[in-house]
Amino acid sequence: MKTKRAYTMGARAEAVQETRRRIMQATFDLAHIQPIAAISLDAVAVGAEVSVQTILRQFASRAGLIAASIDYAKTVISEERLVPVGDVDEAVRVVIDHYEQRGDLALLLLAQEQDPDAAPVVASARGTHESWVRAAFAPMLADAADPKELFDLLVTATDVYTWKLLRRDRRRSRRVTEARMRRLVEAVLIPPEP
């Protein structure tokens, strides 16, 4: 009898967690196409196939939903950007893959930077990119004569705006964009002459 009850409780807990994940994913999906301030609980409920009451039961408020969804998105994006430490080619390939999937979202968020709802998201995204640069290029940063300068250059060379300039503004192919970003990264990794 205890086994059945434990199983039922476990299945229920899993169902609650899956509902919570669907709600945060629906919020993340909406953030790809509209400003955060415009994301309504009704739209999230439709996307997650739940009621607004279910959202409020899970997150207490819209602000609670947005905060949890930021953490969820940060985890998803961090997993998408995992790379072997010190592998320049793989780092550039992965960040280009990421921008191909999420670059327009990043640009939409950056355009909302002054909005109080979006400001924490933008700050989190910047922090995620900086953490990724620190991890992906750790050996190079450790060996650099000026690690702060190299860090700044690597953040810039792999930034979403660099991708935008090449891919959207200059209309370069994905392959060419990746090759040019790799060249930028390789150039900044060459130690300056004394």
N, C-alpha and C. Protein backbone atom coordinates (compact mmCIF):
# COMPACT_ATOMS: atom_id res chain seq x y z
N MET A 1 0.82 -1.19 0.00
CA MET A 1 0.00 0.00 0.00
C MET A 1 0.87 1.26 0.00
N LYS A 2 1.92 1.28 0.82
CA LYS A 2 2.79 2.45 0.88
C LYS A 2 3.51 2.68 -0.45
N THR A 3 3.84 1.59 -1.13
CA THR A 3 4.52 1.71 -2.42
C THR A 3 3.63 2.41 -3.43
N LYS A 4 2.36 2.02 -3.48
CA LYS A 4 1.44 2.63 -4.42
C LYS A 4 1.27 4.12 -4.13
N ARG A 5 1.12 4.46 -2.85
CA ARG A 5 0.95 5.86 -2.48
C ARG A 5 2.21 6.67 -2.83
N ALA A 6 3.39 6.12 -2.57
CA ALA A 6 4.64 6.82 -2.90
C ALA A 6 4.72 7.03 -4.41
N TYR A 7 4.32 6.01 -5.17
CA TYR A 7 4.34 6.14 -6.63
C TYR A 7 3.37 7.23 -7.08
N THR A 8 2.17 7.23 -6.50
CA THR A 8 1.17 8.23 -6.86
C THR A 8 1.67 9.63 -6.53
N MET A 9 2.27 9.80 -5.36
CA MET A 9 2.80 11.10 -4.97
C MET A 9 3.93 11.52 -5.91
N GLY A 10 4.79 10.55 -6.28
CA GLY A 10 5.89 10.85 -7.20
C GLY A 10 5.37 11.25 -8.57
N ALA A 11 4.38 10.53 -9.06
CA ALA A 11 3.80 10.85 -10.37
C ALA A 11 3.14 12.22 -10.34
N ARG A 12 2.46 12.52 -9.25
CA ARG A 12 1.82 13.82 -9.11
C ARG A 12 2.86 14.94 -9.10
N ALA A 13 3.92 14.73 -8.34
CA ALA A 13 4.99 15.73 -8.26
C ALA A 13 5.64 15.94 -9.63
N GLU A 14 5.84 14.86 -10.37
CA GLU A 14 6.39 14.97 -11.72
C GLU A 14 5.45 15.74 -12.63
N ALA A 15 4.16 15.49 -12.51
CA ALA A 15 3.17 16.19 -13.34
C ALA A 15 3.18 17.69 -13.02
N VAL A 16 3.30 18.02 -11.74
CA VAL A 16 3.36 19.44 -11.33
C VAL A 16 4.61 20.10 -11.91
N GLN A 17 5.74 19.41 -11.83
CA GLN A 17 6.99 19.94 -12.38
C GLN A 17 6.90 20.12 -13.89
N GLU A 18 6.28 19.17 -14.58
CA GLU A 18 6.13 19.27 -16.03
C GLU A 18 5.22 20.43 -16.40
N THR A 19 4.17 20.64 -15.64
CA THR A 19 3.28 21.79 -15.88
C THR A 19 4.05 23.09 -15.67
N ARG A 20 4.83 23.14 -14.62
CA ARG A 20 5.65 24.33 -14.33
C ARG A 20 6.62 24.61 -15.47
N ARG A 21 7.27 23.54 -15.98
CA ARG A 21 8.21 23.70 -17.09
C ARG A 21 7.48 24.21 -18.34
N ARG A 22 6.30 23.66 -18.63
CA ARG A 22 5.53 24.11 -19.81
C ARG A 22 5.15 25.58 -19.70
N ILE A 23 4.80 26.02 -18.52
CA ILE A 23 4.44 27.43 -18.31
C ILE A 23 5.66 28.32 -18.56
N MET A 24 6.81 27.94 -18.02
CA MET A 24 8.02 28.76 -18.22
C MET A 24 8.45 28.73 -19.68
N GLN A 25 8.32 27.58 -20.34
CA GLN A 25 8.67 27.48 -21.77
C GLN A 25 7.74 28.36 -22.60
N ALA A 26 6.45 28.37 -22.27
CA ALA A 26 5.50 29.23 -23.00
C ALA A 26 5.87 30.70 -22.83
N THR A 27 6.29 31.08 -21.63
CA THR A 27 6.72 32.46 -21.38
C THR A 27 7.97 32.77 -22.20
N PHE A 28 8.93 31.85 -22.20
CA PHE A 28 10.17 32.00 -22.98
C PHE A 28 9.84 32.11 -24.46
N ASP A 29 8.93 31.29 -24.96
CA ASP A 29 8.54 31.35 -26.37
C ASP A 29 7.92 32.70 -26.72
N LEU A 30 7.06 33.21 -25.85
CA LEU A 30 6.44 34.51 -26.10
C LEU A 30 7.49 35.64 -26.12
N ALA A 31 8.51 35.52 -25.29
CA ALA A 31 9.56 36.54 -25.25
C ALA A 31 10.33 36.62 -26.57
N HIS A 32 10.26 35.58 -27.39
CA HIS A 32 10.90 35.58 -28.71
C HIS A 32 10.16 36.48 -29.70
N ILE A 33 8.89 36.77 -29.44
CA ILE A 33 8.09 37.48 -30.44
C ILE A 33 7.44 38.77 -29.96
N GLN A 34 7.53 39.05 -28.67
CA GLN A 34 6.93 40.29 -28.17
C GLN A 34 7.67 40.80 -26.95
N PRO A 35 7.54 42.08 -26.67
CA PRO A 35 8.19 42.63 -25.48
C PRO A 35 7.70 41.95 -24.21
N ILE A 36 8.56 41.86 -23.23
CA ILE A 36 8.21 41.22 -21.97
C ILE A 36 7.02 41.90 -21.32
N ALA A 37 6.96 43.23 -21.40
CA ALA A 37 5.84 43.97 -20.79
C ALA A 37 4.50 43.57 -21.41
N ALA A 38 4.52 43.07 -22.64
CA ALA A 38 3.28 42.69 -23.33
C ALA A 38 2.88 41.24 -23.09
N ILE A 39 3.70 40.47 -22.41
CA ILE A 39 3.37 39.06 -22.16
C ILE A 39 2.31 39.00 -21.06
N SER A 40 1.16 38.49 -21.43
CA SER A 40 0.06 38.40 -20.47
C SER A 40 -0.07 36.99 -19.92
N LEU A 41 -0.67 36.90 -18.75
CA LEU A 41 -0.92 35.59 -18.16
C LEU A 41 -1.86 34.78 -19.06
N ASP A 42 -2.81 35.46 -19.69
CA ASP A 42 -3.73 34.75 -20.60
C ASP A 42 -2.97 34.12 -21.76
N ALA A 43 -2.03 34.86 -22.35
CA ALA A 43 -1.25 34.32 -23.48
C ALA A 43 -0.37 33.16 -23.04
N VAL A 44 0.22 33.28 -21.87
CA VAL A 44 1.05 32.18 -21.34
C VAL A 44 0.17 30.96 -21.10
N ALA A 45 -1.01 31.17 -20.54
CA ALA A 45 -1.93 30.05 -20.27
C ALA A 45 -2.29 29.33 -21.56
N VAL A 46 -2.56 30.06 -22.61
CA VAL A 46 -2.88 29.44 -23.90
C VAL A 46 -1.68 28.64 -24.40
N GLY A 47 -0.51 29.24 -24.35
CA GLY A 47 0.70 28.56 -24.83
C GLY A 47 1.05 27.31 -24.03
N ALA A 48 0.80 27.34 -22.74
CA ALA A 48 1.13 26.20 -21.88
C ALA A 48 -0.03 25.21 -21.75
N GLU A 49 -1.18 25.59 -22.30
CA GLU A 49 -2.39 24.76 -22.21
C GLU A 49 -2.80 24.51 -20.77
N VAL A 50 -2.82 25.61 -20.00
CA VAL A 50 -3.26 25.57 -18.61
C VAL A 50 -4.15 26.78 -18.36
N SER A 51 -4.71 26.88 -17.18
CA SER A 51 -5.51 28.04 -16.82
C SER A 51 -4.62 29.11 -16.18
N VAL A 52 -5.11 30.33 -16.17
CA VAL A 52 -4.40 31.42 -15.48
C VAL A 52 -4.28 31.07 -14.00
N GLN A 53 -5.31 30.46 -13.45
CA GLN A 53 -5.28 30.07 -12.03
C GLN A 53 -4.14 29.09 -11.76
N THR A 54 -3.87 28.19 -12.69
CA THR A 54 -2.75 27.25 -12.53
C THR A 54 -1.43 28.01 -12.49
N ILE A 55 -1.30 29.00 -13.35
CA ILE A 55 -0.07 29.82 -13.36
C ILE A 55 0.09 30.52 -12.02
N LEU A 56 -0.98 31.12 -11.54
CA LEU A 56 -0.90 31.84 -10.26
C LEU A 56 -0.64 30.90 -9.09
N ARG A 57 -1.18 29.68 -9.16
CA ARG A 57 -0.92 28.70 -8.11
C ARG A 57 0.57 28.31 -8.10
N GLN A 58 1.17 28.25 -9.28
CA GLN A 58 2.59 27.87 -9.40
C GLN A 58 3.53 29.02 -9.05
N PHE A 59 3.18 30.24 -9.48
CA PHE A 59 4.14 31.35 -9.41
C PHE A 59 3.68 32.54 -8.56
N ALA A 60 2.47 32.52 -8.07
CA ALA A 60 1.89 33.54 -7.20
C ALA A 60 1.52 34.84 -7.91
N SER A 61 2.30 35.25 -8.90
CA SER A 61 2.03 36.51 -9.59
C SER A 61 2.72 36.52 -10.96
N ARG A 62 2.41 37.51 -11.76
CA ARG A 62 3.08 37.66 -13.05
C ARG A 62 4.58 37.90 -12.81
N ALA A 63 4.89 38.72 -11.82
CA ALA A 63 6.31 39.00 -11.51
C ALA A 63 7.04 37.72 -11.11
N GLY A 64 6.37 36.86 -10.33
CA GLY A 64 6.97 35.58 -9.96
C GLY A 64 7.20 34.69 -11.18
N LEU A 65 6.25 34.71 -12.11
CA LEU A 65 6.39 33.94 -13.35
C LEU A 65 7.57 34.45 -14.17
N ILE A 66 7.67 35.77 -14.32
CA ILE A 66 8.77 36.34 -15.11
C ILE A 66 10.11 36.00 -14.47
N ALA A 67 10.21 36.13 -13.16
CA ALA A 67 11.48 35.82 -12.46
C ALA A 67 11.86 34.35 -12.65
N ALA A 68 10.91 33.45 -12.48
CA ALA A 68 11.19 32.02 -12.66
C ALA A 68 11.54 31.71 -14.11
N SER A 69 10.88 32.39 -15.04
CA SER A 69 11.15 32.15 -16.46
C SER A 69 12.53 32.66 -16.87
N ILE A 70 13.00 33.71 -16.23
CA ILE A 70 14.36 34.19 -16.48
C ILE A 70 15.36 33.11 -16.07
N ASP A 71 15.17 32.54 -14.89
CA ASP A 71 16.06 31.47 -14.43
C ASP A 71 15.98 30.26 -15.35
N TYR A 72 14.78 29.91 -15.78
CA TYR A 72 14.58 28.79 -16.70
C TYR A 72 15.32 29.04 -18.02
N ALA A 73 15.12 30.24 -18.59
CA ALA A 73 15.77 30.58 -19.87
C ALA A 73 17.29 30.56 -19.72
N LYS A 74 17.78 31.06 -18.60
CA LYS A 74 19.22 31.07 -18.37
C LYS A 74 19.78 29.65 -18.37
N THR A 75 19.07 28.72 -17.75
CA THR A 75 19.50 27.32 -17.73
C THR A 75 19.48 26.72 -19.13
N VAL A 76 18.39 26.96 -19.88
CA VAL A 76 18.28 26.44 -21.25
C VAL A 76 19.42 26.97 -22.11
N ILE A 77 19.66 28.27 -22.03
CA ILE A 77 20.69 28.90 -22.86
C ILE A 77 22.08 28.43 -22.45
N SER A 78 22.33 28.30 -21.17
CA SER A 78 23.63 27.81 -20.72
C SER A 78 23.89 26.40 -21.24
N GLU A 79 22.87 25.56 -21.23
CA GLU A 79 23.02 24.20 -21.76
C GLU A 79 23.26 24.21 -23.28
N GLU A 80 22.59 25.12 -23.99
CA GLU A 80 22.79 25.22 -25.44
C GLU A 80 24.21 25.66 -25.79
N ARG A 81 24.84 26.38 -24.89
CA ARG A 81 26.15 26.96 -25.19
C ARG A 81 27.32 26.21 -24.56
N LEU A 82 27.09 25.01 -24.08
CA LEU A 82 28.19 24.23 -23.50
C LEU A 82 29.24 23.91 -24.56
N VAL A 83 30.50 24.14 -24.20
CA VAL A 83 31.61 23.83 -25.12
C VAL A 83 32.79 23.29 -24.33
N PRO A 84 33.64 22.51 -24.99
CA PRO A 84 34.87 22.09 -24.31
C PRO A 84 35.76 23.31 -24.05
N VAL A 85 36.32 23.39 -22.88
CA VAL A 85 37.15 24.53 -22.51
C VAL A 85 38.36 24.62 -23.44
N GLY A 86 38.59 25.83 -23.96
CA GLY A 86 39.78 26.08 -24.77
C GLY A 86 39.66 25.69 -26.23
N ASP A 87 38.52 25.18 -26.69
CA ASP A 87 38.34 24.78 -28.08
C ASP A 87 37.72 25.94 -28.86
N VAL A 88 38.55 26.74 -29.49
CA VAL A 88 38.11 27.96 -30.18
C VAL A 88 37.11 27.64 -31.28
N ASP A 89 37.43 26.67 -32.13
CA ASP A 89 36.53 26.34 -33.24
C ASP A 89 35.15 25.93 -32.73
N GLU A 90 35.12 25.08 -31.72
CA GLU A 90 33.84 24.63 -31.18
C GLU A 90 33.10 25.77 -30.49
N ALA A 91 33.81 26.63 -29.79
CA ALA A 91 33.18 27.77 -29.12
C ALA A 91 32.50 28.67 -30.13
N VAL A 92 33.18 28.97 -31.22
CA VAL A 92 32.59 29.84 -32.24
C VAL A 92 31.40 29.15 -32.90
N ARG A 93 31.55 27.86 -33.22
CA ARG A 93 30.44 27.13 -33.85
C ARG A 93 29.21 27.13 -32.95
N VAL A 94 29.42 26.86 -31.66
CA VAL A 94 28.31 26.79 -30.72
C VAL A 94 27.65 28.16 -30.54
N VAL A 95 28.43 29.21 -30.43
CA VAL A 95 27.82 30.52 -30.23
C VAL A 95 27.07 30.97 -31.49
N ILE A 96 27.57 30.61 -32.66
CA ILE A 96 26.84 30.92 -33.89
C ILE A 96 25.54 30.11 -33.94
N ASP A 97 25.61 28.83 -33.60
CA ASP A 97 24.38 28.02 -33.53
C ASP A 97 23.37 28.68 -32.60
N HIS A 98 23.86 29.12 -31.45
CA HIS A 98 22.99 29.78 -30.47
C HIS A 98 22.36 31.04 -31.06
N TYR A 99 23.16 31.87 -31.71
CA TYR A 99 22.61 33.10 -32.28
C TYR A 99 21.65 32.81 -33.43
N GLU A 100 21.91 31.77 -34.18
CA GLU A 100 20.98 31.41 -35.25
C GLU A 100 19.62 31.06 -34.66
N GLN A 101 19.61 30.45 -33.49
CA GLN A 101 18.36 30.06 -32.83
C GLN A 101 17.80 31.18 -31.97
N ARG A 102 18.65 31.92 -31.27
CA ARG A 102 18.17 32.88 -30.27
C ARG A 102 18.64 34.32 -30.48
N GLY A 103 19.37 34.59 -31.57
CA GLY A 103 19.90 35.93 -31.79
C GLY A 103 18.83 37.00 -31.90
N ASP A 104 17.75 36.70 -32.61
CA ASP A 104 16.68 37.69 -32.74
C ASP A 104 16.00 37.96 -31.41
N LEU A 105 15.89 36.93 -30.56
CA LEU A 105 15.37 37.12 -29.20
C LEU A 105 16.29 38.07 -28.43
N ALA A 106 17.58 37.84 -28.51
CA ALA A 106 18.54 38.69 -27.80
C ALA A 106 18.42 40.14 -28.26
N LEU A 107 18.28 40.33 -29.55
CA LEU A 107 18.16 41.69 -30.09
C LEU A 107 16.85 42.35 -29.64
N LEU A 108 15.77 41.57 -29.61
CA LEU A 108 14.49 42.09 -29.11
C LEU A 108 14.61 42.49 -27.64
N LEU A 109 15.29 41.67 -26.85
CA LEU A 109 15.48 42.00 -25.44
C LEU A 109 16.33 43.25 -25.27
N LEU A 110 17.40 43.35 -26.03
CA LEU A 110 18.26 44.52 -25.94
C LEU A 110 17.52 45.81 -26.29
N ALA A 111 16.58 45.71 -27.21
CA ALA A 111 15.77 46.88 -27.59
C ALA A 111 14.85 47.31 -26.45
N GLN A 112 14.60 46.43 -25.49
CA GLN A 112 13.73 46.72 -24.35
C GLN A 112 14.50 47.06 -23.08
N GLU A 113 15.77 47.25 -23.19
CA GLU A 113 16.65 47.37 -22.03
C GLU A 113 16.18 48.41 -21.01
N GLN A 114 15.53 49.46 -21.44
CA GLN A 114 15.08 50.50 -20.52
C GLN A 114 13.78 50.15 -19.81
N ASP A 115 13.11 49.10 -20.25
CA ASP A 115 11.86 48.67 -19.64
C ASP A 115 12.17 47.92 -18.34
N PRO A 116 11.53 48.29 -17.23
CA PRO A 116 11.82 47.63 -15.95
C PRO A 116 11.59 46.11 -15.98
N ASP A 117 10.63 45.64 -16.79
CA ASP A 117 10.40 44.19 -16.90
C ASP A 117 11.55 43.49 -17.61
N ALA A 118 12.14 44.17 -18.58
CA ALA A 118 13.19 43.55 -19.40
C ALA A 118 14.59 43.75 -18.84
N ALA A 119 14.81 44.78 -18.07
CA ALA A 119 16.16 45.10 -17.57
C ALA A 119 16.83 43.92 -16.87
N PRO A 120 16.13 43.18 -15.98
CA PRO A 120 16.80 42.04 -15.35
C PRO A 120 17.13 40.92 -16.35
N VAL A 121 16.30 40.78 -17.38
CA VAL A 121 16.55 39.76 -18.40
C VAL A 121 17.81 40.10 -19.18
N VAL A 122 17.93 41.37 -19.56
CA VAL A 122 19.11 41.82 -20.31
C VAL A 122 20.36 41.67 -19.45
N ALA A 123 20.27 42.06 -18.19
CA ALA A 123 21.42 41.92 -17.29
C ALA A 123 21.81 40.44 -17.14
N SER A 124 20.82 39.59 -17.01
CA SER A 124 21.09 38.15 -16.90
C SER A 124 21.74 37.61 -18.17
N ALA A 125 21.24 38.04 -19.33
CA ALA A 125 21.80 37.59 -20.62
C ALA A 125 23.25 38.04 -20.76
N ARG A 126 23.54 39.26 -20.37
CA ARG A 126 24.93 39.73 -20.43
C ARG A 126 25.81 38.89 -19.52
N GLY A 127 25.32 38.64 -18.33
CA GLY A 127 26.07 37.83 -17.38
C GLY A 127 26.31 36.42 -17.90
N THR A 128 25.32 35.85 -18.55
CA THR A 128 25.45 34.51 -19.13
C THR A 128 26.51 34.50 -20.22
N HIS A 129 26.51 35.53 -21.08
CA HIS A 129 27.52 35.60 -22.14
C HIS A 129 28.92 35.75 -21.54
N GLU A 130 29.05 36.62 -20.56
CA GLU A 130 30.36 36.83 -19.94
C GLU A 130 30.85 35.55 -19.24
N SER A 131 29.96 34.85 -18.56
CA SER A 131 30.33 33.59 -17.92
C SER A 131 30.77 32.56 -18.97
N TRP A 132 30.06 32.54 -20.09
CA TRP A 132 30.41 31.62 -21.17
C TRP A 132 31.81 31.93 -21.70
N VAL A 133 32.11 33.21 -21.92
CA VAL A 133 33.45 33.60 -22.41
C VAL A 133 34.51 33.18 -21.39
N ARG A 134 34.27 33.44 -20.11
CA ARG A 134 35.24 33.04 -19.08
C ARG A 134 35.49 31.54 -19.09
N ALA A 135 34.44 30.75 -19.26
CA ALA A 135 34.58 29.30 -19.25
C ALA A 135 35.19 28.78 -20.55
N ALA A 136 34.68 29.23 -21.68
CA ALA A 136 35.13 28.71 -22.97
C ALA A 136 36.59 29.03 -23.25
N PHE A 137 37.02 30.21 -22.83
CA PHE A 137 38.38 30.67 -23.15
C PHE A 137 39.27 30.74 -21.89
N ALA A 138 38.93 29.97 -20.88
CA ALA A 138 39.66 30.02 -19.60
C ALA A 138 41.17 29.87 -19.74
N PRO A 139 41.67 28.89 -20.52
CA PRO A 139 43.13 28.75 -20.60
C PRO A 139 43.80 29.98 -21.22
N MET A 140 43.18 30.54 -22.23
CA MET A 140 43.75 31.72 -22.89
C MET A 140 43.73 32.93 -21.96
N LEU A 141 42.64 33.07 -21.21
CA LEU A 141 42.55 34.19 -20.27
C LEU A 141 43.57 34.04 -19.15
N ALA A 142 43.79 32.80 -18.69
CA ALA A 142 44.76 32.55 -17.62
C ALA A 142 46.18 32.88 -18.06
N ASP A 143 46.49 32.65 -19.33
CA ASP A 143 47.84 32.88 -19.85
C ASP A 143 48.06 34.29 -20.40
N ALA A 144 47.02 35.10 -20.47
CA ALA A 144 47.12 36.42 -21.10
C ALA A 144 47.94 37.39 -20.26
N ALA A 145 48.69 38.23 -20.94
CA ALA A 145 49.44 39.28 -20.26
C ALA A 145 48.47 40.27 -19.60
N ASP A 146 47.35 40.54 -20.28
CA ASP A 146 46.33 41.44 -19.74
C ASP A 146 44.98 40.73 -19.86
N PRO A 147 44.61 39.90 -18.88
CA PRO A 147 43.38 39.13 -18.96
C PRO A 147 42.12 39.98 -19.12
N LYS A 148 42.10 41.17 -18.50
CA LYS A 148 40.91 42.03 -18.62
C LYS A 148 40.73 42.51 -20.06
N GLU A 149 41.84 42.89 -20.68
CA GLU A 149 41.76 43.34 -22.07
C GLU A 149 41.31 42.20 -22.97
N LEU A 150 41.92 41.03 -22.81
CA LEU A 150 41.54 39.88 -23.62
C LEU A 150 40.09 39.51 -23.40
N PHE A 151 39.64 39.54 -22.16
CA PHE A 151 38.24 39.24 -21.86
C PHE A 151 37.31 40.20 -22.60
N ASP A 152 37.60 41.50 -22.53
CA ASP A 152 36.79 42.50 -23.24
C ASP A 152 36.74 42.21 -24.74
N LEU A 153 37.90 41.89 -25.30
CA LEU A 153 37.96 41.63 -26.74
C LEU A 153 37.19 40.36 -27.12
N LEU A 154 37.29 39.31 -26.29
CA LEU A 154 36.56 38.08 -26.59
C LEU A 154 35.05 38.25 -26.42
N VAL A 155 34.63 39.01 -25.42
CA VAL A 155 33.20 39.30 -25.25
C VAL A 155 32.68 40.02 -26.49
N THR A 156 33.44 41.00 -26.97
CA THR A 156 33.04 41.77 -28.15
C THR A 156 33.04 40.92 -29.41
N ALA A 157 34.08 40.14 -29.61
CA ALA A 157 34.20 39.33 -30.83
C ALA A 157 33.10 38.28 -30.94
N THR A 158 32.57 37.82 -29.81
CA THR A 158 31.55 36.77 -29.83
C THR A 158 30.17 37.29 -29.44
N ASP A 159 29.99 38.59 -29.42
CA ASP A 159 28.73 39.19 -28.99
C ASP A 159 27.64 39.05 -30.05
N VAL A 160 26.39 39.10 -29.60
CA VAL A 160 25.25 39.01 -30.52
C VAL A 160 25.27 40.17 -31.53
N TYR A 161 25.79 41.34 -31.14
CA TYR A 161 25.85 42.45 -32.09
C TYR A 161 26.85 42.17 -33.22
N THR A 162 27.92 41.45 -32.91
CA THR A 162 28.87 41.05 -33.95
C THR A 162 28.17 40.11 -34.93
N TRP A 163 27.42 39.15 -34.40
CA TRP A 163 26.62 38.25 -35.24
C TRP A 163 25.63 39.05 -36.08
N LYS A 164 24.93 40.00 -35.45
CA LYS A 164 23.93 40.82 -36.15
C LYS A 164 24.57 41.61 -37.29
N LEU A 165 25.72 42.22 -37.02
CA LEU A 165 26.39 43.01 -38.07
C LEU A 165 26.70 42.15 -39.29
N LEU A 166 27.22 40.95 -39.04
CA LEU A 166 27.58 40.08 -40.15
C LEU A 166 26.36 39.42 -40.79
N ARG A 167 25.49 38.86 -39.97
CA ARG A 167 24.40 38.03 -40.46
C ARG A 167 23.20 38.84 -40.95
N ARG A 168 22.81 39.84 -40.21
CA ARG A 168 21.62 40.61 -40.56
C ARG A 168 21.97 41.85 -41.40
N ASP A 169 22.90 42.67 -40.90
CA ASP A 169 23.21 43.92 -41.60
C ASP A 169 24.00 43.69 -42.89
N ARG A 170 25.03 42.86 -42.82
CA ARG A 170 25.88 42.60 -43.99
C ARG A 170 25.35 41.44 -44.85
N ARG A 171 24.34 40.74 -44.33
CA ARG A 171 23.68 39.63 -45.04
C ARG A 171 24.63 38.51 -45.45
N ARG A 172 25.54 38.20 -44.57
CA ARG A 172 26.48 37.10 -44.83
C ARG A 172 25.81 35.78 -44.46
N SER A 173 26.23 34.73 -45.10
CA SER A 173 25.69 33.41 -44.80
C SER A 173 26.12 32.98 -43.40
N ARG A 174 25.48 31.96 -42.91
CA ARG A 174 25.87 31.43 -41.61
C ARG A 174 27.32 30.97 -41.64
N ARG A 175 27.71 30.29 -42.71
CA ARG A 175 29.08 29.77 -42.85
C ARG A 175 30.09 30.91 -42.84
N VAL A 176 29.82 31.96 -43.60
CA VAL A 176 30.73 33.10 -43.67
C VAL A 176 30.76 33.83 -42.32
N THR A 177 29.61 33.97 -41.69
CA THR A 177 29.54 34.63 -40.38
C THR A 177 30.40 33.88 -39.37
N GLU A 178 30.28 32.55 -39.35
CA GLU A 178 31.08 31.74 -38.44
C GLU A 178 32.57 31.90 -38.73
N ALA A 179 32.94 31.86 -40.00
CA ALA A 179 34.36 31.98 -40.38
C ALA A 179 34.91 33.34 -39.96
N ARG A 180 34.13 34.39 -40.12
CA ARG A 180 34.63 35.74 -39.79
C ARG A 180 34.67 35.95 -38.28
N MET A 181 33.71 35.39 -37.57
CA MET A 181 33.79 35.50 -36.10
C MET A 181 34.98 34.70 -35.59
N ARG A 182 35.24 33.54 -36.17
CA ARG A 182 36.40 32.75 -35.76
C ARG A 182 37.67 33.54 -36.01
N ARG A 183 37.74 34.21 -37.15
CA ARG A 183 38.94 35.00 -37.48
C ARG A 183 39.13 36.13 -36.47
N LEU A 184 38.03 36.78 -36.08
CA LEU A 184 38.12 37.83 -35.06
C LEU A 184 38.66 37.26 -33.74
N VAL A 185 38.10 36.13 -33.32
CA VAL A 185 38.54 35.51 -32.07
C VAL A 185 40.01 35.13 -32.15
N GLU A 186 40.40 34.50 -33.23
CA GLU A 186 41.81 34.11 -33.39
C GLU A 186 42.72 35.32 -33.38
N ALA A 187 42.26 36.42 -33.98
CA ALA A 187 43.08 37.65 -34.02
C ALA A 187 43.30 38.22 -32.63
N VAL A 188 42.25 38.21 -31.80
CA VAL A 188 42.43 38.78 -30.46
C VAL A 188 43.21 37.85 -29.54
N LEU A 189 43.29 36.57 -29.92
CA LEU A 189 44.08 35.63 -29.10
C LEU A 189 45.57 35.72 -29.35
N ILE A 190 45.97 36.38 -30.45
CA ILE A 190 47.40 36.59 -30.72
C ILE A 190 47.91 37.64 -29.76
N PRO A 191 48.92 37.29 -28.96
CA PRO A 191 49.43 38.27 -27.98
C PRO A 191 49.99 39.51 -28.69
N PRO A 192 49.72 40.69 -28.14
CA PRO A 192 50.28 41.90 -28.75
C PRO A 192 51.80 41.91 -28.60
N GLU A 193 52.43 42.53 -29.57
CA GLU A 193 53.91 42.63 -29.51
C GLU A 193 54.30 43.66 -28.46
N PRO A 194 55.41 43.40 -27.75
CA PRO A 194 55.83 44.33 -26.67
C PRO A 194 56.29 45.66 -27.21
